Amino acid sequence: AVFSAETIEGMTDMHPTTQRLYAAA
């Protein structure tokens, strides 16, 4: 599953570009 605000608790405040960076890493 890709990192997203729906799948990671507390991730709603994270910028979308950083979410994508973490998912790619």
PDBML (XML) file of the C-alpha atoms, coordinates in Angstrom:
<?xml version="1.0" encoding="UTF-8" ?>
<PDBx:datablock datablockName="MODEL"
   xmlns:PDBx="http://pdbml.pdb.org/schema/pdbx-v50.xsd"
   xmlns:xsi="http://www.w3.org/2001/XMLSchema-instance"
   xsi:schemaLocation="http://pdbml.pdb.org/schema/pdbx-v50.xsd pdbx-v50.xsd">
   <PDBx:atom_siteCategory>
      <PDBx:atom_site id="1">
         <PDBx:B_iso_or_equiv>0.00</PDBx:B_iso_or_equiv>
         <PDBx:Cartn_x>0.000</PDBx:Cartn_x>
         <PDBx:Cartn_y>0.000</PDBx:Cartn_y>
         <PDBx:Cartn_z>0.000</PDBx:Cartn_z>
         <PDBx:auth_asym_id>A</PDBx:auth_asym_id>
         <PDBx:auth_atom_id>CA</PDBx:auth_atom_id>
         <PDBx:auth_comp_id>ALA</PDBx:auth_comp_id>
         <PDBx:auth_seq_id>1</PDBx:auth_seq_id>
         <PDBx:group_PDB>ATOM</PDBx:group_PDB>
         <PDBx:label_alt_id xsi:nil="true" />
         <PDBx:label_asym_id>A</PDBx:label_asym_id>
         <PDBx:label_atom_id>CA</PDBx:label_atom_id>
         <PDBx:label_comp_id>ALA</PDBx:label_comp_id>
         <PDBx:label_entity_id>1</PDBx:label_entity_id>
         <PDBx:label_seq_id>1</PDBx:label_seq_id>
         <PDBx:occupancy>1.00</PDBx:occupancy>
         <PDBx:pdbx_PDB_model_num>1</PDBx:pdbx_PDB_model_num>
         <PDBx:type_symbol>C</PDBx:type_symbol>
      </PDBx:atom_site>
      <PDBx:atom_site id="2">
         <PDBx:B_iso_or_equiv>0.00</PDBx:B_iso_or_equiv>
         <PDBx:Cartn_x>1.210</PDBx:Cartn_x>
         <PDBx:Cartn_y>3.481</PDBx:Cartn_y>
         <PDBx:Cartn_z>-0.794</PDBx:Cartn_z>
         <PDBx:auth_asym_id>A</PDBx:auth_asym_id>
         <PDBx:auth_atom_id>CA</PDBx:auth_atom_id>
         <PDBx:auth_comp_id>VAL</PDBx:auth_comp_id>
         <PDBx:auth_seq_id>2</PDBx:auth_seq_id>
         <PDBx:group_PDB>ATOM</PDBx:group_PDB>
         <PDBx:label_alt_id xsi:nil="true" />
         <PDBx:label_asym_id>A</PDBx:label_asym_id>
         <PDBx:label_atom_id>CA</PDBx:label_atom_id>
         <PDBx:label_comp_id>VAL</PDBx:label_comp_id>
         <PDBx:label_entity_id>1</PDBx:label_entity_id>
         <PDBx:label_seq_id>2</PDBx:label_seq_id>
         <PDBx:occupancy>1.00</PDBx:occupancy>
         <PDBx:pdbx_PDB_model_num>1</PDBx:pdbx_PDB_model_num>
         <PDBx:type_symbol>C</PDBx:type_symbol>
      </PDBx:atom_site>
      <PDBx:atom_site id="3">
         <PDBx:B_iso_or_equiv>0.00</PDBx:B_iso_or_equiv>
         <PDBx:Cartn_x>1.805</PDBx:Cartn_x>
         <PDBx:Cartn_y>5.864</PDBx:Cartn_y>
         <PDBx:Cartn_z>2.100</PDBx:Cartn_z>
         <PDBx:auth_asym_id>A</PDBx:auth_asym_id>
         <PDBx:auth_atom_id>CA</PDBx:auth_atom_id>
         <PDBx:auth_comp_id>PHE</PDBx:auth_comp_id>
         <PDBx:auth_seq_id>3</PDBx:auth_seq_id>
         <PDBx:group_PDB>ATOM</PDBx:group_PDB>
         <PDBx:label_alt_id xsi:nil="true" />
         <PDBx:label_asym_id>A</PDBx:label_asym_id>
         <PDBx:label_atom_id>CA</PDBx:label_atom_id>
         <PDBx:label_comp_id>PHE</PDBx:label_comp_id>
         <PDBx:label_entity_id>1</PDBx:label_entity_id>
         <PDBx:label_seq_id>3</PDBx:label_seq_id>
         <PDBx:occupancy>1.00</PDBx:occupancy>
         <PDBx:pdbx_PDB_model_num>1</PDBx:pdbx_PDB_model_num>
         <PDBx:type_symbol>C</PDBx:type_symbol>
      </PDBx:atom_site>
      <PDBx:atom_site id="4">
         <PDBx:B_iso_or_equiv>0.00</PDBx:B_iso_or_equiv>
         <PDBx:Cartn_x>-1.147</PDBx:Cartn_x>
         <PDBx:Cartn_y>8.174</PDBx:Cartn_y>
         <PDBx:Cartn_z>2.439</PDBx:Cartn_z>
         <PDBx:auth_asym_id>A</PDBx:auth_asym_id>
         <PDBx:auth_atom_id>CA</PDBx:auth_atom_id>
         <PDBx:auth_comp_id>SER</PDBx:auth_comp_id>
         <PDBx:auth_seq_id>4</PDBx:auth_seq_id>
         <PDBx:group_PDB>ATOM</PDBx:group_PDB>
         <PDBx:label_alt_id xsi:nil="true" />
         <PDBx:label_asym_id>A</PDBx:label_asym_id>
         <PDBx:label_atom_id>CA</PDBx:label_atom_id>
         <PDBx:label_comp_id>SER</PDBx:label_comp_id>
         <PDBx:label_entity_id>1</PDBx:label_entity_id>
         <PDBx:label_seq_id>4</PDBx:label_seq_id>
         <PDBx:occupancy>1.00</PDBx:occupancy>
         <PDBx:pdbx_PDB_model_num>1</PDBx:pdbx_PDB_model_num>
         <PDBx:type_symbol>C</PDBx:type_symbol>
      </PDBx:atom_site>
      <PDBx:atom_site id="5">
         <PDBx:B_iso_or_equiv>0.00</PDBx:B_iso_or_equiv>
         <PDBx:Cartn_x>-3.025</PDBx:Cartn_x>
         <PDBx:Cartn_y>10.047</PDBx:Cartn_y>
         <PDBx:Cartn_z>5.094</PDBx:Cartn_z>
         <PDBx:auth_asym_id>A</PDBx:auth_asym_id>
         <PDBx:auth_atom_id>CA</PDBx:auth_atom_id>
         <PDBx:auth_comp_id>ALA</PDBx:auth_comp_id>
         <PDBx:auth_seq_id>5</PDBx:auth_seq_id>
         <PDBx:group_PDB>ATOM</PDBx:group_PDB>
         <PDBx:label_alt_id xsi:nil="true" />
         <PDBx:label_asym_id>A</PDBx:label_asym_id>
         <PDBx:label_atom_id>CA</PDBx:label_atom_id>
         <PDBx:label_comp_id>ALA</PDBx:label_comp_id>
         <PDBx:label_entity_id>1</PDBx:label_entity_id>
         <PDBx:label_seq_id>5</PDBx:label_seq_id>
         <PDBx:occupancy>1.00</PDBx:occupancy>
         <PDBx:pdbx_PDB_model_num>1</PDBx:pdbx_PDB_model_num>
         <PDBx:type_symbol>C</PDBx:type_symbol>
      </PDBx:atom_site>
      <PDBx:atom_site id="6">
         <PDBx:B_iso_or_equiv>0.00</PDBx:B_iso_or_equiv>
         <PDBx:Cartn_x>-5.565</PDBx:Cartn_x>
         <PDBx:Cartn_y>7.241</PDBx:Cartn_y>
         <PDBx:Cartn_z>5.070</PDBx:Cartn_z>
         <PDBx:auth_asym_id>A</PDBx:auth_asym_id>
         <PDBx:auth_atom_id>CA</PDBx:auth_atom_id>
         <PDBx:auth_comp_id>GLU</PDBx:auth_comp_id>
         <PDBx:auth_seq_id>6</PDBx:auth_seq_id>
         <PDBx:group_PDB>ATOM</PDBx:group_PDB>
         <PDBx:label_alt_id xsi:nil="true" />
         <PDBx:label_asym_id>A</PDBx:label_asym_id>
         <PDBx:label_atom_id>CA</PDBx:label_atom_id>
         <PDBx:label_comp_id>GLU</PDBx:label_comp_id>
         <PDBx:label_entity_id>1</PDBx:label_entity_id>
         <PDBx:label_seq_id>6</PDBx:label_seq_id>
         <PDBx:occupancy>1.00</PDBx:occupancy>
         <PDBx:pdbx_PDB_model_num>1</PDBx:pdbx_PDB_model_num>
         <PDBx:type_symbol>C</PDBx:type_symbol>
      </PDBx:atom_site>
      <PDBx:atom_site id="7">
         <PDBx:B_iso_or_equiv>0.00</PDBx:B_iso_or_equiv>
         <PDBx:Cartn_x>-3.002</PDBx:Cartn_x>
         <PDBx:Cartn_y>4.487</PDBx:Cartn_y>
         <PDBx:Cartn_z>5.710</PDBx:Cartn_z>
         <PDBx:auth_asym_id>A</PDBx:auth_asym_id>
         <PDBx:auth_atom_id>CA</PDBx:auth_atom_id>
         <PDBx:auth_comp_id>THR</PDBx:auth_comp_id>
         <PDBx:auth_seq_id>7</PDBx:auth_seq_id>
         <PDBx:group_PDB>ATOM</PDBx:group_PDB>
         <PDBx:label_alt_id xsi:nil="true" />
         <PDBx:label_asym_id>A</PDBx:label_asym_id>
         <PDBx:label_atom_id>CA</PDBx:label_atom_id>
         <PDBx:label_comp_id>THR</PDBx:label_comp_id>
         <PDBx:label_entity_id>1</PDBx:label_entity_id>
         <PDBx:label_seq_id>7</PDBx:label_seq_id>
         <PDBx:occupancy>1.00</PDBx:occupancy>
         <PDBx:pdbx_PDB_model_num>1</PDBx:pdbx_PDB_model_num>
         <PDBx:type_symbol>C</PDBx:type_symbol>
      </PDBx:atom_site>
      <PDBx:atom_site id="8">
         <PDBx:B_iso_or_equiv>0.00</PDBx:B_iso_or_equiv>
         <PDBx:Cartn_x>-0.585</PDBx:Cartn_x>
         <PDBx:Cartn_y>6.191</PDBx:Cartn_y>
         <PDBx:Cartn_z>8.105</PDBx:Cartn_z>
         <PDBx:auth_asym_id>A</PDBx:auth_asym_id>
         <PDBx:auth_atom_id>CA</PDBx:auth_atom_id>
         <PDBx:auth_comp_id>ILE</PDBx:auth_comp_id>
         <PDBx:auth_seq_id>8</PDBx:auth_seq_id>
         <PDBx:group_PDB>ATOM</PDBx:group_PDB>
         <PDBx:label_alt_id xsi:nil="true" />
         <PDBx:label_asym_id>A</PDBx:label_asym_id>
         <PDBx:label_atom_id>CA</PDBx:label_atom_id>
         <PDBx:label_comp_id>ILE</PDBx:label_comp_id>
         <PDBx:label_entity_id>1</PDBx:label_entity_id>
         <PDBx:label_seq_id>8</PDBx:label_seq_id>
         <PDBx:occupancy>1.00</PDBx:occupancy>
         <PDBx:pdbx_PDB_model_num>1</PDBx:pdbx_PDB_model_num>
         <PDBx:type_symbol>C</PDBx:type_symbol>
      </PDBx:atom_site>
      <PDBx:atom_site id="9">
         <PDBx:B_iso_or_equiv>0.00</PDBx:B_iso_or_equiv>
         <PDBx:Cartn_x>-1.930</PDBx:Cartn_x>
         <PDBx:Cartn_y>7.654</PDBx:Cartn_y>
         <PDBx:Cartn_z>11.328</PDBx:Cartn_z>
         <PDBx:auth_asym_id>A</PDBx:auth_asym_id>
         <PDBx:auth_atom_id>CA</PDBx:auth_atom_id>
         <PDBx:auth_comp_id>GLU</PDBx:auth_comp_id>
         <PDBx:auth_seq_id>9</PDBx:auth_seq_id>
         <PDBx:group_PDB>ATOM</PDBx:group_PDB>
         <PDBx:label_alt_id xsi:nil="true" />
         <PDBx:label_asym_id>A</PDBx:label_asym_id>
         <PDBx:label_atom_id>CA</PDBx:label_atom_id>
         <PDBx:label_comp_id>GLU</PDBx:label_comp_id>
         <PDBx:label_entity_id>1</PDBx:label_entity_id>
         <PDBx:label_seq_id>9</PDBx:label_seq_id>
         <PDBx:occupancy>1.00</PDBx:occupancy>
         <PDBx:pdbx_PDB_model_num>1</PDBx:pdbx_PDB_model_num>
         <PDBx:type_symbol>C</PDBx:type_symbol>
      </PDBx:atom_site>
      <PDBx:atom_site id="10">
         <PDBx:B_iso_or_equiv>0.00</PDBx:B_iso_or_equiv>
         <PDBx:Cartn_x>-0.748</PDBx:Cartn_x>
         <PDBx:Cartn_y>11.212</PDBx:Cartn_y>
         <PDBx:Cartn_z>11.903</PDBx:Cartn_z>
         <PDBx:auth_asym_id>A</PDBx:auth_asym_id>
         <PDBx:auth_atom_id>CA</PDBx:auth_atom_id>
         <PDBx:auth_comp_id>GLY</PDBx:auth_comp_id>
         <PDBx:auth_seq_id>10</PDBx:auth_seq_id>
         <PDBx:group_PDB>ATOM</PDBx:group_PDB>
         <PDBx:label_alt_id xsi:nil="true" />
         <PDBx:label_asym_id>A</PDBx:label_asym_id>
         <PDBx:label_atom_id>CA</PDBx:label_atom_id>
         <PDBx:label_comp_id>GLY</PDBx:label_comp_id>
         <PDBx:label_entity_id>1</PDBx:label_entity_id>
         <PDBx:label_seq_id>10</PDBx:label_seq_id>
         <PDBx:occupancy>1.00</PDBx:occupancy>
         <PDBx:pdbx_PDB_model_num>1</PDBx:pdbx_PDB_model_num>
         <PDBx:type_symbol>C</PDBx:type_symbol>
      </PDBx:atom_site>
      <PDBx:atom_site id="11">
         <PDBx:B_iso_or_equiv>0.00</PDBx:B_iso_or_equiv>
         <PDBx:Cartn_x>0.397</PDBx:Cartn_x>
         <PDBx:Cartn_y>11.692</PDBx:Cartn_y>
         <PDBx:Cartn_z>8.321</PDBx:Cartn_z>
         <PDBx:auth_asym_id>A</PDBx:auth_asym_id>
         <PDBx:auth_atom_id>CA</PDBx:auth_atom_id>
         <PDBx:auth_comp_id>MET</PDBx:auth_comp_id>
         <PDBx:auth_seq_id>11</PDBx:auth_seq_id>
         <PDBx:group_PDB>ATOM</PDBx:group_PDB>
         <PDBx:label_alt_id xsi:nil="true" />
         <PDBx:label_asym_id>A</PDBx:label_asym_id>
         <PDBx:label_atom_id>CA</PDBx:label_atom_id>
         <PDBx:label_comp_id>MET</PDBx:label_comp_id>
         <PDBx:label_entity_id>1</PDBx:label_entity_id>
         <PDBx:label_seq_id>11</PDBx:label_seq_id>
         <PDBx:occupancy>1.00</PDBx:occupancy>
         <PDBx:pdbx_PDB_model_num>1</PDBx:pdbx_PDB_model_num>
         <PDBx:type_symbol>C</PDBx:type_symbol>
      </PDBx:atom_site>
      <PDBx:atom_site id="12">
         <PDBx:B_iso_or_equiv>0.00</PDBx:B_iso_or_equiv>
         <PDBx:Cartn_x>-2.353</PDBx:Cartn_x>
         <PDBx:Cartn_y>14.154</PDBx:Cartn_y>
         <PDBx:Cartn_z>7.458</PDBx:Cartn_z>
         <PDBx:auth_asym_id>A</PDBx:auth_asym_id>
         <PDBx:auth_atom_id>CA</PDBx:auth_atom_id>
         <PDBx:auth_comp_id>THR</PDBx:auth_comp_id>
         <PDBx:auth_seq_id>12</PDBx:auth_seq_id>
         <PDBx:group_PDB>ATOM</PDBx:group_PDB>
         <PDBx:label_alt_id xsi:nil="true" />
         <PDBx:label_asym_id>A</PDBx:label_asym_id>
         <PDBx:label_atom_id>CA</PDBx:label_atom_id>
         <PDBx:label_comp_id>THR</PDBx:label_comp_id>
         <PDBx:label_entity_id>1</PDBx:label_entity_id>
         <PDBx:label_seq_id>12</PDBx:label_seq_id>
         <PDBx:occupancy>1.00</PDBx:occupancy>
         <PDBx:pdbx_PDB_model_num>1</PDBx:pdbx_PDB_model_num>
         <PDBx:type_symbol>C</PDBx:type_symbol>
      </PDBx:atom_site>
      <PDBx:atom_site id="13">
         <PDBx:B_iso_or_equiv>0.00</PDBx:B_iso_or_equiv>
         <PDBx:Cartn_x>-0.100</PDBx:Cartn_x>
         <PDBx:Cartn_y>17.127</PDBx:Cartn_y>
         <PDBx:Cartn_z>8.235</PDBx:Cartn_z>
         <PDBx:auth_asym_id>A</PDBx:auth_asym_id>
         <PDBx:auth_atom_id>CA</PDBx:auth_atom_id>
         <PDBx:auth_comp_id>ASP</PDBx:auth_comp_id>
         <PDBx:auth_seq_id>13</PDBx:auth_seq_id>
         <PDBx:group_PDB>ATOM</PDBx:group_PDB>
         <PDBx:label_alt_id xsi:nil="true" />
         <PDBx:label_asym_id>A</PDBx:label_asym_id>
         <PDBx:label_atom_id>CA</PDBx:label_atom_id>
         <PDBx:label_comp_id>ASP</PDBx:label_comp_id>
         <PDBx:label_entity_id>1</PDBx:label_entity_id>
         <PDBx:label_seq_id>13</PDBx:label_seq_id>
         <PDBx:occupancy>1.00</PDBx:occupancy>
         <PDBx:pdbx_PDB_model_num>1</PDBx:pdbx_PDB_model_num>
         <PDBx:type_symbol>C</PDBx:type_symbol>
      </PDBx:atom_site>
      <PDBx:atom_site id="14">
         <PDBx:B_iso_or_equiv>0.00</PDBx:B_iso_or_equiv>
         <PDBx:Cartn_x>2.722</PDBx:Cartn_x>
         <PDBx:Cartn_y>15.907</PDBx:Cartn_y>
         <PDBx:Cartn_z>5.990</PDBx:Cartn_z>
         <PDBx:auth_asym_id>A</PDBx:auth_asym_id>
         <PDBx:auth_atom_id>CA</PDBx:auth_atom_id>
         <PDBx:auth_comp_id>MET</PDBx:auth_comp_id>
         <PDBx:auth_seq_id>14</PDBx:auth_seq_id>
         <PDBx:group_PDB>ATOM</PDBx:group_PDB>
         <PDBx:label_alt_id xsi:nil="true" />
         <PDBx:label_asym_id>A</PDBx:label_asym_id>
         <PDBx:label_atom_id>CA</PDBx:label_atom_id>
         <PDBx:label_comp_id>MET</PDBx:label_comp_id>
         <PDBx:label_entity_id>1</PDBx:label_entity_id>
         <PDBx:label_seq_id>14</PDBx:label_seq_id>
         <PDBx:occupancy>1.00</PDBx:occupancy>
         <PDBx:pdbx_PDB_model_num>1</PDBx:pdbx_PDB_model_num>
         <PDBx:type_symbol>C</PDBx:type_symbol>
      </PDBx:atom_site>
      <PDBx:atom_site id="15">
         <PDBx:B_iso_or_equiv>0.00</PDBx:B_iso_or_equiv>
         <PDBx:Cartn_x>3.270</PDBx:Cartn_x>
         <PDBx:Cartn_y>17.629</PDBx:Cartn_y>
         <PDBx:Cartn_z>2.661</PDBx:Cartn_z>
         <PDBx:auth_asym_id>A</PDBx:auth_asym_id>
         <PDBx:auth_atom_id>CA</PDBx:auth_atom_id>
         <PDBx:auth_comp_id>HIS</PDBx:auth_comp_id>
         <PDBx:auth_seq_id>15</PDBx:auth_seq_id>
         <PDBx:group_PDB>ATOM</PDBx:group_PDB>
         <PDBx:label_alt_id xsi:nil="true" />
         <PDBx:label_asym_id>A</PDBx:label_asym_id>
         <PDBx:label_atom_id>CA</PDBx:label_atom_id>
         <PDBx:label_comp_id>HIS</PDBx:label_comp_id>
         <PDBx:label_entity_id>1</PDBx:label_entity_id>
         <PDBx:label_seq_id>15</PDBx:label_seq_id>
         <PDBx:occupancy>1.00</PDBx:occupancy>
         <PDBx:pdbx_PDB_model_num>1</PDBx:pdbx_PDB_model_num>
         <PDBx:type_symbol>C</PDBx:type_symbol>
      </PDBx:atom_site>
      <PDBx:atom_site id="16">
         <PDBx:B_iso_or_equiv>0.00</PDBx:B_iso_or_equiv>
         <PDBx:Cartn_x>2.242</PDBx:Cartn_x>
         <PDBx:Cartn_y>15.449</PDBx:Cartn_y>
         <PDBx:Cartn_z>-0.317</PDBx:Cartn_z>
         <PDBx:auth_asym_id>A</PDBx:auth_asym_id>
         <PDBx:auth_atom_id>CA</PDBx:auth_atom_id>
         <PDBx:auth_comp_id>PRO</PDBx:auth_comp_id>
         <PDBx:auth_seq_id>16</PDBx:auth_seq_id>
         <PDBx:group_PDB>ATOM</PDBx:group_PDB>
         <PDBx:label_alt_id xsi:nil="true" />
         <PDBx:label_asym_id>A</PDBx:label_asym_id>
         <PDBx:label_atom_id>CA</PDBx:label_atom_id>
         <PDBx:label_comp_id>PRO</PDBx:label_comp_id>
         <PDBx:label_entity_id>1</PDBx:label_entity_id>
         <PDBx:label_seq_id>16</PDBx:label_seq_id>
         <PDBx:occupancy>1.00</PDBx:occupancy>
         <PDBx:pdbx_PDB_model_num>1</PDBx:pdbx_PDB_model_num>
         <PDBx:type_symbol>C</PDBx:type_symbol>
      </PDBx:atom_site>
      <PDBx:atom_site id="17">
         <PDBx:B_iso_or_equiv>0.00</PDBx:B_iso_or_equiv>
         <PDBx:Cartn_x>5.709</PDBx:Cartn_x>
         <PDBx:Cartn_y>15.651</PDBx:Cartn_y>
         <PDBx:Cartn_z>-1.913</PDBx:Cartn_z>
         <PDBx:auth_asym_id>A</PDBx:auth_asym_id>
         <PDBx:auth_atom_id>CA</PDBx:auth_atom_id>
         <PDBx:auth_comp_id>THR</PDBx:auth_comp_id>
         <PDBx:auth_seq_id>17</PDBx:auth_seq_id>
         <PDBx:group_PDB>ATOM</PDBx:group_PDB>
         <PDBx:label_alt_id xsi:nil="true" />
         <PDBx:label_asym_id>A</PDBx:label_asym_id>
         <PDBx:label_atom_id>CA</PDBx:label_atom_id>
         <PDBx:label_comp_id>THR</PDBx:label_comp_id>
         <PDBx:label_entity_id>1</PDBx:label_entity_id>
         <PDBx:label_seq_id>17</PDBx:label_seq_id>
         <PDBx:occupancy>1.00</PDBx:occupancy>
         <PDBx:pdbx_PDB_model_num>1</PDBx:pdbx_PDB_model_num>
         <PDBx:type_symbol>C</PDBx:type_symbol>
      </PDBx:atom_site>
      <PDBx:atom_site id="18">
         <PDBx:B_iso_or_equiv>0.00</PDBx:B_iso_or_equiv>
         <PDBx:Cartn_x>7.251</PDBx:Cartn_x>
         <PDBx:Cartn_y>14.208</PDBx:Cartn_y>
         <PDBx:Cartn_z>1.232</PDBx:Cartn_z>
         <PDBx:auth_asym_id>A</PDBx:auth_asym_id>
         <PDBx:auth_atom_id>CA</PDBx:auth_atom_id>
         <PDBx:auth_comp_id>THR</PDBx:auth_comp_id>
         <PDBx:auth_seq_id>18</PDBx:auth_seq_id>
         <PDBx:group_PDB>ATOM</PDBx:group_PDB>
         <PDBx:label_alt_id xsi:nil="true" />
         <PDBx:label_asym_id>A</PDBx:label_asym_id>
         <PDBx:label_atom_id>CA</PDBx:label_atom_id>
         <PDBx:label_comp_id>THR</PDBx:label_comp_id>
         <PDBx:label_entity_id>1</PDBx:label_entity_id>
         <PDBx:label_seq_id>18</PDBx:label_seq_id>
         <PDBx:occupancy>1.00</PDBx:occupancy>
         <PDBx:pdbx_PDB_model_num>1</PDBx:pdbx_PDB_model_num>
         <PDBx:type_symbol>C</PDBx:type_symbol>
      </PDBx:atom_site>
      <PDBx:atom_site id="19">
         <PDBx:B_iso_or_equiv>0.00</PDBx:B_iso_or_equiv>
         <PDBx:Cartn_x>4.635</PDBx:Cartn_x>
         <PDBx:Cartn_y>11.462</PDBx:Cartn_y>
         <PDBx:Cartn_z>1.356</PDBx:Cartn_z>
         <PDBx:auth_asym_id>A</PDBx:auth_asym_id>
         <PDBx:auth_atom_id>CA</PDBx:auth_atom_id>
         <PDBx:auth_comp_id>GLN</PDBx:auth_comp_id>
         <PDBx:auth_seq_id>19</PDBx:auth_seq_id>
         <PDBx:group_PDB>ATOM</PDBx:group_PDB>
         <PDBx:label_alt_id xsi:nil="true" />
         <PDBx:label_asym_id>A</PDBx:label_asym_id>
         <PDBx:label_atom_id>CA</PDBx:label_atom_id>
         <PDBx:label_comp_id>GLN</PDBx:label_comp_id>
         <PDBx:label_entity_id>1</PDBx:label_entity_id>
         <PDBx:label_seq_id>19</PDBx:label_seq_id>
         <PDBx:occupancy>1.00</PDBx:occupancy>
         <PDBx:pdbx_PDB_model_num>1</PDBx:pdbx_PDB_model_num>
         <PDBx:type_symbol>C</PDBx:type_symbol>
      </PDBx:atom_site>
      <PDBx:atom_site id="20">
         <PDBx:B_iso_or_equiv>0.00</PDBx:B_iso_or_equiv>
         <PDBx:Cartn_x>5.643</PDBx:Cartn_x>
         <PDBx:Cartn_y>10.522</PDBx:Cartn_y>
         <PDBx:Cartn_z>-2.199</PDBx:Cartn_z>
         <PDBx:auth_asym_id>A</PDBx:auth_asym_id>
         <PDBx:auth_atom_id>CA</PDBx:auth_atom_id>
         <PDBx:auth_comp_id>ARG</PDBx:auth_comp_id>
         <PDBx:auth_seq_id>20</PDBx:auth_seq_id>
         <PDBx:group_PDB>ATOM</PDBx:group_PDB>
         <PDBx:label_alt_id xsi:nil="true" />
         <PDBx:label_asym_id>A</PDBx:label_asym_id>
         <PDBx:label_atom_id>CA</PDBx:label_atom_id>
         <PDBx:label_comp_id>ARG</PDBx:label_comp_id>
         <PDBx:label_entity_id>1</PDBx:label_entity_id>
         <PDBx:label_seq_id>20</PDBx:label_seq_id>
         <PDBx:occupancy>1.00</PDBx:occupancy>
         <PDBx:pdbx_PDB_model_num>1</PDBx:pdbx_PDB_model_num>
         <PDBx:type_symbol>C</PDBx:type_symbol>
      </PDBx:atom_site>
      <PDBx:atom_site id="21">
         <PDBx:B_iso_or_equiv>0.00</PDBx:B_iso_or_equiv>
         <PDBx:Cartn_x>9.352</PDBx:Cartn_x>
         <PDBx:Cartn_y>10.670</PDBx:Cartn_y>
         <PDBx:Cartn_z>-1.278</PDBx:Cartn_z>
         <PDBx:auth_asym_id>A</PDBx:auth_asym_id>
         <PDBx:auth_atom_id>CA</PDBx:auth_atom_id>
         <PDBx:auth_comp_id>LEU</PDBx:auth_comp_id>
         <PDBx:auth_seq_id>21</PDBx:auth_seq_id>
         <PDBx:group_PDB>ATOM</PDBx:group_PDB>
         <PDBx:label_alt_id xsi:nil="true" />
         <PDBx:label_asym_id>A</PDBx:label_asym_id>
         <PDBx:label_atom_id>CA</PDBx:label_atom_id>
         <PDBx:label_comp_id>LEU</PDBx:label_comp_id>
         <PDBx:label_entity_id>1</PDBx:label_entity_id>
         <PDBx:label_seq_id>21</PDBx:label_seq_id>
         <PDBx:occupancy>1.00</PDBx:occupancy>
         <PDBx:pdbx_PDB_model_num>1</PDBx:pdbx_PDB_model_num>
         <PDBx:type_symbol>C</PDBx:type_symbol>
      </PDBx:atom_site>
      <PDBx:atom_site id="22">
         <PDBx:B_iso_or_equiv>0.00</PDBx:B_iso_or_equiv>
         <PDBx:Cartn_x>8.830</PDBx:Cartn_x>
         <PDBx:Cartn_y>8.257</PDBx:Cartn_y>
         <PDBx:Cartn_z>1.637</PDBx:Cartn_z>
         <PDBx:auth_asym_id>A</PDBx:auth_asym_id>
         <PDBx:auth_atom_id>CA</PDBx:auth_atom_id>
         <PDBx:auth_comp_id>TYR</PDBx:auth_comp_id>
         <PDBx:auth_seq_id>22</PDBx:auth_seq_id>
         <PDBx:group_PDB>ATOM</PDBx:group_PDB>
         <PDBx:label_alt_id xsi:nil="true" />
         <PDBx:label_asym_id>A</PDBx:label_asym_id>
         <PDBx:label_atom_id>CA</PDBx:label_atom_id>
         <PDBx:label_comp_id>TYR</PDBx:label_comp_id>
         <PDBx:label_entity_id>1</PDBx:label_entity_id>
         <PDBx:label_seq_id>22</PDBx:label_seq_id>
         <PDBx:occupancy>1.00</PDBx:occupancy>
         <PDBx:pdbx_PDB_model_num>1</PDBx:pdbx_PDB_model_num>
         <PDBx:type_symbol>C</PDBx:type_symbol>
      </PDBx:atom_site>
      <PDBx:atom_site id="23">
         <PDBx:B_iso_or_equiv>0.00</PDBx:B_iso_or_equiv>
         <PDBx:Cartn_x>6.760</PDBx:Cartn_x>
         <PDBx:Cartn_y>5.948</PDBx:Cartn_y>
         <PDBx:Cartn_z>-0.557</PDBx:Cartn_z>
         <PDBx:auth_asym_id>A</PDBx:auth_asym_id>
         <PDBx:auth_atom_id>CA</PDBx:auth_atom_id>
         <PDBx:auth_comp_id>ALA</PDBx:auth_comp_id>
         <PDBx:auth_seq_id>23</PDBx:auth_seq_id>
         <PDBx:group_PDB>ATOM</PDBx:group_PDB>
         <PDBx:label_alt_id xsi:nil="true" />
         <PDBx:label_asym_id>A</PDBx:label_asym_id>
         <PDBx:label_atom_id>CA</PDBx:label_atom_id>
         <PDBx:label_comp_id>ALA</PDBx:label_comp_id>
         <PDBx:label_entity_id>1</PDBx:label_entity_id>
         <PDBx:label_seq_id>23</PDBx:label_seq_id>
         <PDBx:occupancy>1.00</PDBx:occupancy>
         <PDBx:pdbx_PDB_model_num>1</PDBx:pdbx_PDB_model_num>
         <PDBx:type_symbol>C</PDBx:type_symbol>
      </PDBx:atom_site>
      <PDBx:atom_site id="24">
         <PDBx:B_iso_or_equiv>0.00</PDBx:B_iso_or_equiv>
         <PDBx:Cartn_x>9.468</PDBx:Cartn_x>
         <PDBx:Cartn_y>5.929</PDBx:Cartn_y>
         <PDBx:Cartn_z>-3.250</PDBx:Cartn_z>
         <PDBx:auth_asym_id>A</PDBx:auth_asym_id>
         <PDBx:auth_atom_id>CA</PDBx:auth_atom_id>
         <PDBx:auth_comp_id>ALA</PDBx:auth_comp_id>
         <PDBx:auth_seq_id>24</PDBx:auth_seq_id>
         <PDBx:group_PDB>ATOM</PDBx:group_PDB>
         <PDBx:label_alt_id xsi:nil="true" />
         <PDBx:label_asym_id>A</PDBx:label_asym_id>
         <PDBx:label_atom_id>CA</PDBx:label_atom_id>
         <PDBx:label_comp_id>ALA</PDBx:label_comp_id>
         <PDBx:label_entity_id>1</PDBx:label_entity_id>
         <PDBx:label_seq_id>24</PDBx:label_seq_id>
         <PDBx:occupancy>1.00</PDBx:occupancy>
         <PDBx:pdbx_PDB_model_num>1</PDBx:pdbx_PDB_model_num>
         <PDBx:type_symbol>C</PDBx:type_symbol>
      </PDBx:atom_site>
      <PDBx:atom_site id="25">
         <PDBx:B_iso_or_equiv>0.00</PDBx:B_iso_or_equiv>
         <PDBx:Cartn_x>12.232</PDBx:Cartn_x>
         <PDBx:Cartn_y>5.279</PDBx:Cartn_y>
         <PDBx:Cartn_z>-0.721</PDBx:Cartn_z>
         <PDBx:auth_asym_id>A</PDBx:auth_asym_id>
         <PDBx:auth_atom_id>CA</PDBx:auth_atom_id>
         <PDBx:auth_comp_id>ALA</PDBx:auth_comp_id>
         <PDBx:auth_seq_id>25</PDBx:auth_seq_id>
         <PDBx:group_PDB>ATOM</PDBx:group_PDB>
         <PDBx:label_alt_id xsi:nil="true" />
         <PDBx:label_asym_id>A</PDBx:label_asym_id>
         <PDBx:label_atom_id>CA</PDBx:label_atom_id>
         <PDBx:label_comp_id>ALA</PDBx:label_comp_id>
         <PDBx:label_entity_id>1</PDBx:label_entity_id>
         <PDBx:label_seq_id>25</PDBx:label_seq_id>
         <PDBx:occupancy>1.00</PDBx:occupancy>
         <PDBx:pdbx_PDB_model_num>1</PDBx:pdbx_PDB_model_num>
         <PDBx:type_symbol>C</PDBx:type_symbol>
      </PDBx:atom_site>
   </PDBx:atom_siteCategory>
</PDBx:datablock>
